[in-house]
């Protein structure tokens, strides 16, 4: 009998998606995706756009929450 109101155990996508487990493959596929989407939007060449994207990921800046200035 199916359980429609049962919740699935929550796993981060990085753990459940096999394509995200290999960092080199993830980065290559991300560059392909971004460059092809950008080429469609701008009319540029996929290869040209892909060459402008960094191959090594940059660390994300640490952001802190600030209260309202008012």
PDB file of N, CA and C in Angstrom:
ATOM      1  N   UNK A   1       0.842  -1.178   0.000  1.00  0.00           N
ATOM      2  CA  UNK A   1       0.000   0.000   0.000  1.00  0.00           C
ATOM      3  C   UNK A   1       0.888   1.243   0.000  1.00  0.00           C
ATOM      4  N   UNK A   2       0.733   2.148  -0.973  1.00  0.00           N
ATOM      5  CA  UNK A   2       1.587   3.340  -1.023  1.00  0.00           C
ATOM      6  C   UNK A   2       1.276   4.292   0.125  1.00  0.00           C
ATOM      7  N   UNK A   3       2.288   4.973   0.542  1.00  0.00           N
ATOM      8  CA  UNK A   3       2.135   5.954   1.616  1.00  0.00           C
ATOM      9  C   UNK A   3       2.345   7.336   1.013  1.00  0.00           C
ATOM     10  N   UNK A   4       1.264   8.077   0.800  1.00  0.00           N
ATOM     11  CA  UNK A   4       1.351   9.374   0.142  1.00  0.00           C
ATOM     12  C   UNK A   4       1.737  10.508   1.084  1.00  0.00           C
ATOM     13  N   UNK A   5       1.578  10.285   2.375  1.00  0.00           N
ATOM     14  CA  UNK A   5       1.927  11.355   3.302  1.00  0.00           C
ATOM     15  C   UNK A   5       3.234  11.063   4.053  1.00  0.00           C
ATOM     16  N   UNK A   6       3.954  10.041   3.635  1.00  0.00           N
ATOM     17  CA  UNK A   6       5.244   9.718   4.244  1.00  0.00           C
ATOM     18  C   UNK A   6       6.324  10.615   3.638  1.00  0.00           C
ATOM     19  N   UNK A   7       7.286  10.966   4.441  1.00  0.00           N
ATOM     20  CA  UNK A   7       8.381  11.789   3.920  1.00  0.00           C
ATOM     21  C   UNK A   7       9.581  10.907   3.618  1.00  0.00           C
ATOM     22  N   UNK A   8      10.283  11.262   2.584  1.00  0.00           N
ATOM     23  CA  UNK A   8      11.504  10.565   2.210  1.00  0.00           C
ATOM     24  C   UNK A   8      12.634  11.094   3.075  1.00  0.00           C
ATOM     25  N   UNK A   9      13.616  10.251   3.381  1.00  0.00           N
ATOM     26  CA  UNK A   9      14.774  10.769   4.114  1.00  0.00           C
ATOM     27  C   UNK A   9      15.472  11.823   3.260  1.00  0.00           C
ATOM     28  N   UNK A  10      15.848  12.927   3.879  1.00  0.00           N
ATOM     29  CA  UNK A  10      16.448  14.027   3.133  1.00  0.00           C
ATOM     30  C   UNK A  10      17.955  13.858   3.065  1.00  0.00           C
ATOM     31  N   UNK A  11      18.458  13.750   1.859  1.00  0.00           N
ATOM     32  CA  UNK A  11      19.886  13.662   1.597  1.00  0.00           C
ATOM     33  C   UNK A  11      20.269  14.858   0.758  1.00  0.00           C
ATOM     34  N   UNK A  12      21.424  15.429   0.993  1.00  0.00           N
ATOM     35  CA  UNK A  12      21.861  16.514   0.114  1.00  0.00           C
ATOM     36  C   UNK A  12      22.018  15.999  -1.319  1.00  0.00           C
ATOM     37  N   UNK A  13      21.730  16.849  -2.275  1.00  0.00           N
ATOM     38  CA  UNK A  13      21.820  16.467  -3.680  1.00  0.00           C
ATOM     39  C   UNK A  13      23.222  15.995  -4.039  1.00  0.00           C
ATOM     40  N   UNK A  14      24.236  16.593  -3.432  1.00  0.00           N
ATOM     41  CA  UNK A  14      25.620  16.226  -3.723  1.00  0.00           C
ATOM     42  C   UNK A  14      25.892  14.761  -3.358  1.00  0.00           C
ATOM     43  N   UNK A  15      25.145  14.218  -2.399  1.00  0.00           N
ATOM     44  CA  UNK A  15      25.324  12.823  -1.998  1.00  0.00           C
ATOM     45  C   UNK A  15      24.463  11.867  -2.812  1.00  0.00           C
ATOM     46  N   UNK A  16      23.328  12.323  -3.286  1.00  0.00           N
ATOM     47  CA  UNK A  16      22.408  11.428  -3.972  1.00  0.00           C
ATOM     48  C   UNK A  16      22.558  11.430  -5.488  1.00  0.00           C
ATOM     49  N   UNK A  17      23.162  12.459  -6.059  1.00  0.00           N
ATOM     50  CA  UNK A  17      23.316  12.543  -7.508  1.00  0.00           C
ATOM     51  C   UNK A  17      24.720  12.089  -7.904  1.00  0.00           C
ATOM     52  N   UNK A  18      24.848  10.968  -8.619  1.00  0.00           N
ATOM     53  CA  UNK A  18      26.179  10.450  -8.957  1.00  0.00           C
ATOM     54  C   UNK A  18      26.979  11.386  -9.866  1.00  0.00           C
ATOM     55  N   UNK A  19      26.311  12.248 -10.620  1.00  0.00           N
ATOM     56  CA  UNK A  19      27.014  13.156 -11.520  1.00  0.00           C
ATOM     57  C   UNK A  19      27.718  14.275 -10.759  1.00  0.00           C
ATOM     58  N   UNK A  20      27.304  14.535  -9.539  1.00  0.00           N
ATOM     59  CA  UNK A  20      27.921  15.600  -8.755  1.00  0.00           C
ATOM     60  C   UNK A  20      29.066  15.099  -7.882  1.00  0.00           C
ATOM     61  N   UNK A  21      29.254  13.799  -7.790  1.00  0.00           N
ATOM     62  CA  UNK A  21      30.278  13.240  -6.908  1.00  0.00           C
ATOM     63  C   UNK A  21      31.690  13.431  -7.440  1.00  0.00           C
ATOM     64  N   UNK A  22      31.868  13.462  -8.752  1.00  0.00           N
ATOM     65  CA  UNK A  22      33.187  13.653  -9.356  1.00  0.00           C
ATOM     66  C   UNK A  22      33.358  15.141  -9.657  1.00  0.00           C
ATOM     67  N   UNK A  23      34.202  15.851  -8.882  1.00  0.00           N
ATOM     68  CA  UNK A  23      34.336  17.301  -9.058  1.00  0.00           C
ATOM     69  C   UNK A  23      34.802  17.716 -10.460  1.00  0.00           C
ATOM     70  N   UNK A  24      35.695  16.947 -11.069  1.00  0.00           N
ATOM     71  CA  UNK A  24      36.182  17.307 -12.407  1.00  0.00           C
ATOM     72  C   UNK A  24      35.062  17.183 -13.438  1.00  0.00           C
ATOM     73  N   UNK A  25      34.313  16.119 -13.350  1.00  0.00           N
ATOM     74  CA  UNK A  25      33.199  15.926 -14.288  1.00  0.00           C
ATOM     75  C   UNK A  25      32.124  16.978 -14.053  1.00  0.00           C
ATOM     76  N   UNK A  26      31.829  17.275 -12.793  1.00  0.00           N
ATOM     77  CA  UNK A  26      30.834  18.298 -12.463  1.00  0.00           C
ATOM     78  C   UNK A  26      31.231  19.639 -13.060  1.00  0.00           C
ATOM     79  N   UNK A  27      32.502  20.027 -12.891  1.00  0.00           N
ATOM     80  CA  UNK A  27      32.971  21.320 -13.399  1.00  0.00           C
ATOM     81  C   UNK A  27      32.902  21.358 -14.925  1.00  0.00           C
ATOM     82  N   UNK A  28      33.317  20.272 -15.572  1.00  0.00           N
ATOM     83  CA  UNK A  28      33.280  20.207 -17.044  1.00  0.00           C
ATOM     84  C   UNK A  28      31.842  20.338 -17.546  1.00  0.00           C
ATOM     85  N   UNK A  29      30.932  19.610 -16.924  1.00  0.00           N
ATOM     86  CA  UNK A  29      29.532  19.668 -17.341  1.00  0.00           C
ATOM     87  C   UNK A  29      28.903  21.025 -17.044  1.00  0.00           C
ATOM     88  N   UNK A  30      29.305  21.646 -15.942  1.00  0.00           N
ATOM     89  CA  UNK A  30      28.802  22.979 -15.608  1.00  0.00           C
ATOM     90  C   UNK A  30      29.245  24.001 -16.658  1.00  0.00           C
ATOM     91  N   UNK A  31      30.510  23.944 -17.054  1.00  0.00           N
ATOM     92  CA  UNK A  31      31.025  24.863 -18.082  1.00  0.00           C
ATOM     93  C   UNK A  31      30.295  24.643 -19.400  1.00  0.00           C
ATOM     94  N   UNK A  32      30.054  23.389 -19.768  1.00  0.00           N
ATOM     95  CA  UNK A  32      29.322  23.083 -20.994  1.00  0.00           C
ATOM     96  C   UNK A  32      27.906  23.652 -20.932  1.00  0.00           C
ATOM     97  N   UNK A  33      27.253  23.470 -19.801  1.00  0.00           N
ATOM     98  CA  UNK A  33      25.884  23.948 -19.643  1.00  0.00           C
ATOM     99  C   UNK A  33      25.818  25.469 -19.713  1.00  0.00           C
ATOM    100  N   UNK A  34      26.677  26.144 -18.967  1.00  0.00           N
ATOM    101  CA  UNK A  34      26.654  27.609 -18.934  1.00  0.00           C
ATOM    102  C   UNK A  34      27.018  28.191 -20.298  1.00  0.00           C
ATOM    103  N   UNK A  35      28.041  27.638 -20.934  1.00  0.00           N
ATOM    104  CA  UNK A  35      28.470  28.195 -22.221  1.00  0.00           C
ATOM    105  C   UNK A  35      27.429  27.965 -23.315  1.00  0.00           C
ATOM    106  N   UNK A  36      26.773  26.807 -23.317  1.00  0.00           N
ATOM    107  CA  UNK A  36      25.759  26.575 -24.354  1.00  0.00           C
ATOM    108  C   UNK A  36      24.522  27.448 -24.113  1.00  0.00           C
ATOM    109  N   UNK A  37      24.130  27.615 -22.871  1.00  0.00           N
ATOM    110  CA  UNK A  37      22.989  28.485 -22.575  1.00  0.00           C
ATOM    111  C   UNK A  37      23.290  29.936 -22.920  1.00  0.00           C
ATOM    112  N   UNK A  38      24.504  30.372 -22.596  1.00  0.00           N
ATOM    113  CA  UNK A  38      24.904  31.746 -22.903  1.00  0.00           C
ATOM    114  C   UNK A  38      24.983  31.954 -24.414  1.00  0.00           C
ATOM    115  N   UNK A  39      25.464  30.953 -25.134  1.00  0.00           N
ATOM    116  CA  UNK A  39      25.554  31.054 -26.594  1.00  0.00           C
ATOM    117  C   UNK A  39      24.158  31.207 -27.209  1.00  0.00           C
ATOM    118  N   UNK A  40      23.197  30.486 -26.681  1.00  0.00           N
ATOM    119  CA  UNK A  40      21.827  30.604 -27.192  1.00  0.00           C
ATOM    120  C   UNK A  40      21.290  32.006 -26.952  1.00  0.00           C
ATOM    121  N   UNK A  41      21.535  32.536 -25.756  1.00  0.00           N
ATOM    122  CA  UNK A  41      21.014  33.856 -25.397  1.00  0.00           C
ATOM    123  C   UNK A  41      21.722  34.997 -26.124  1.00  0.00           C
ATOM    124  N   UNK A  42      23.030  34.853 -26.347  1.00  0.00           N
ATOM    125  CA  UNK A  42      23.804  35.959 -26.913  1.00  0.00           C
ATOM    126  C   UNK A  42      24.131  35.800 -28.389  1.00  0.00           C
ATOM    127  N   UNK A  43      24.008  34.585 -28.907  1.00  0.00           N
ATOM    128  CA  UNK A  43      24.374  34.344 -30.295  1.00  0.00           C
ATOM    129  C   UNK A  43      25.869  34.109 -30.470  1.00  0.00           C
ATOM    130  N   UNK A  44      26.616  34.025 -29.379  1.00  0.00           N
ATOM    131  CA  UNK A  44      28.056  33.772 -29.431  1.00  0.00           C
ATOM    132  C   UNK A  44      28.343  32.304 -29.663  1.00  0.00           C
ATOM    133  N   UNK A  45      29.624  31.999 -29.820  1.00  0.00           N
ATOM    134  CA  UNK A  45      30.041  30.620 -30.016  1.00  0.00           C
ATOM    135  C   UNK A  45      30.238  29.909 -28.685  1.00  0.00           C
ATOM    136  N   UNK A  46      29.829  28.657 -28.606  1.00  0.00           N
ATOM    137  CA  UNK A  46      29.951  27.879 -27.371  1.00  0.00           C
ATOM    138  C   UNK A  46      31.410  27.768 -26.949  1.00  0.00           C
ATOM    139  N   UNK A  47      32.299  27.441 -27.887  1.00  0.00           N
ATOM    140  CA  UNK A  47      33.714  27.265 -27.563  1.00  0.00           C
ATOM    141  C   UNK A  47      34.336  28.564 -27.059  1.00  0.00           C
ATOM    142  N   UNK A  48      33.974  29.680 -27.689  1.00  0.00           N
ATOM    143  CA  UNK A  48      34.509  30.981 -27.292  1.00  0.00           C
ATOM    144  C   UNK A  48      34.083  31.323 -25.868  1.00  0.00           C
ATOM    145  N   UNK A  49      32.837  31.099 -25.571  1.00  0.00           N
ATOM    146  CA  UNK A  49      32.322  31.391 -24.233  1.00  0.00           C
ATOM    147  C   UNK A  49      32.944  30.450 -23.210  1.00  0.00           C
ATOM    148  N   UNK A  50      33.076  29.176 -23.552  1.00  0.00           N
ATOM    149  CA  UNK A  50      33.659  28.199 -22.621  1.00  0.00           C
ATOM    150  C   UNK A  50      35.092  28.575 -22.258  1.00  0.00           C
ATOM    151  N   UNK A  51      35.838  29.147 -23.206  1.00  0.00           N
ATOM    152  CA  UNK A  51      37.226  29.541 -22.929  1.00  0.00           C
ATOM    153  C   UNK A  51      37.308  30.698 -21.938  1.00  0.00           C
ATOM    154  N   UNK A  52      36.252  31.497 -21.823  1.00  0.00           N
ATOM    155  CA  UNK A  52      36.284  32.636 -20.910  1.00  0.00           C
ATOM    156  C   UNK A  52      35.921  32.241 -19.482  1.00  0.00           C
ATOM    157  N   UNK A  53      35.362  31.052 -19.290  1.00  0.00           N
ATOM    158  CA  UNK A  53      34.959  30.608 -17.952  1.00  0.00           C
ATOM    159  C   UNK A  53      36.144  29.982 -17.226  1.00  0.00           C
ATOM    160  N   UNK A  54      36.290  30.257 -15.933  1.00  0.00           N
ATOM    161  CA  UNK A  54      37.404  29.655 -15.189  1.00  0.00           C
ATOM    162  C   UNK A  54      37.197  28.154 -15.018  1.00  0.00           C
ATOM    163  N   UNK A  55      38.266  27.391 -15.150  1.00  0.00           N
ATOM    164  CA  UNK A  55      38.163  25.940 -14.990  1.00  0.00           C
ATOM    165  C   UNK A  55      38.253  25.529 -13.526  1.00  0.00           C
ATOM    166  N   UNK A  56      38.875  26.360 -12.700  1.00  0.00           N
ATOM    167  CA  UNK A  56      38.956  26.085 -11.267  1.00  0.00           C
ATOM    168  C   UNK A  56      37.907  26.917 -10.542  1.00  0.00           C
ATOM    169  N   UNK A  57      37.134  26.280  -9.680  1.00  0.00           N
ATOM    170  CA  UNK A  57      36.118  27.055  -8.960  1.00  0.00           C
ATOM    171  C   UNK A  57      36.752  28.015  -7.964  1.00  0.00           C
ATOM    172  N   UNK A  58      36.155  29.176  -7.829  1.00  0.00           N
ATOM    173  CA  UNK A  58      36.612  30.143  -6.838  1.00  0.00           C
ATOM    174  C   UNK A  58      35.839  29.910  -5.550  1.00  0.00           C
ATOM    175  N   UNK A  59      36.486  30.080  -4.404  1.00  0.00           N
ATOM    176  CA  UNK A  59      35.726  29.919  -3.161  1.00  0.00           C
ATOM    177  C   UNK A  59      34.680  31.015  -3.030  1.00  0.00           C
ATOM    178  N   UNK A  60      33.558  30.662  -2.473  1.00  0.00           N
ATOM    179  CA  UNK A  60      32.493  31.637  -2.285  1.00  0.00           C
ATOM    180  C   UNK A  60      32.852  32.582  -1.148  1.00  0.00           C
ATOM    181  N   UNK A  61      32.513  33.857  -1.292  1.00  0.00           N
ATOM    182  CA  UNK A  61      32.786  34.785  -0.196  1.00  0.00           C
ATOM    183  C   UNK A  61      31.890  34.467   1.004  1.00  0.00           C
ATOM    184  N   UNK A  62      32.428  34.690   2.166  1.00  0.00           N
ATOM    185  CA  UNK A  62      31.654  34.475   3.383  1.00  0.00           C
ATOM    186  C   UNK A  62      30.794  35.702   3.611  1.00  0.00           C
ATOM    187  N   UNK A  63      29.519  35.489   3.742  1.00  0.00           N
ATOM    188  CA  UNK A  63      28.590  36.598   3.954  1.00  0.00           C
ATOM    189  C   UNK A  63      28.007  36.484   5.346  1.00  0.00           C
ATOM    190  N   UNK A  64      27.870  37.604   5.960  1.00  0.00           N
ATOM    191  CA  UNK A  64      27.230  37.638   7.270  1.00  0.00           C
ATOM    192  C   UNK A  64      25.937  38.407   7.151  1.00  0.00           C
ATOM    193  N   UNK A  65      24.995  38.053   7.957  1.00  0.00           N
ATOM    194  CA  UNK A  65      23.720  38.764   7.943  1.00  0.00           C
ATOM    195  C   UNK A  65      23.873  40.034   8.754  1.00  0.00           C
ATOM    196  N   UNK A  66      23.353  41.074   8.221  1.00  0.00           N
ATOM    197  CA  UNK A  66      23.376  42.353   8.917  1.00  0.00           C
ATOM    198  C   UNK A  66      21.961  42.746   9.263  1.00  0.00           C
ATOM    199  N   UNK A  67      21.839  43.433  10.371  1.00  0.00           N
ATOM    200  CA  UNK A  67      20.527  43.922  10.767  1.00  0.00           C
ATOM    201  C   UNK A  67      20.123  45.090   9.904  1.00  0.00           C
ATOM    202  N   UNK A  68      18.902  45.513  10.042  1.00  0.00           N
ATOM    203  CA  UNK A  68      18.387  46.641   9.283  1.00  0.00           C
ATOM    204  C   UNK A  68      19.099  47.915   9.686  1.00  0.00           C
ATOM    205  N   UNK A  69      19.372  48.769   8.736  1.00  0.00           N
ATOM    206  CA  UNK A  69      20.078  50.013   9.030  1.00  0.00           C
ATOM    207  C   UNK A  69      19.113  51.105   9.469  1.00  0.00           C
ATOM    208  N   UNK A  70      17.855  50.803   9.509  1.00  0.00           N
ATOM    209  CA  UNK A  70      16.854  51.801   9.906  1.00  0.00           C
ATOM    210  C   UNK A  70      16.514  51.699  11.346  1.00  0.00           C
TER     211      UNK A  70
END
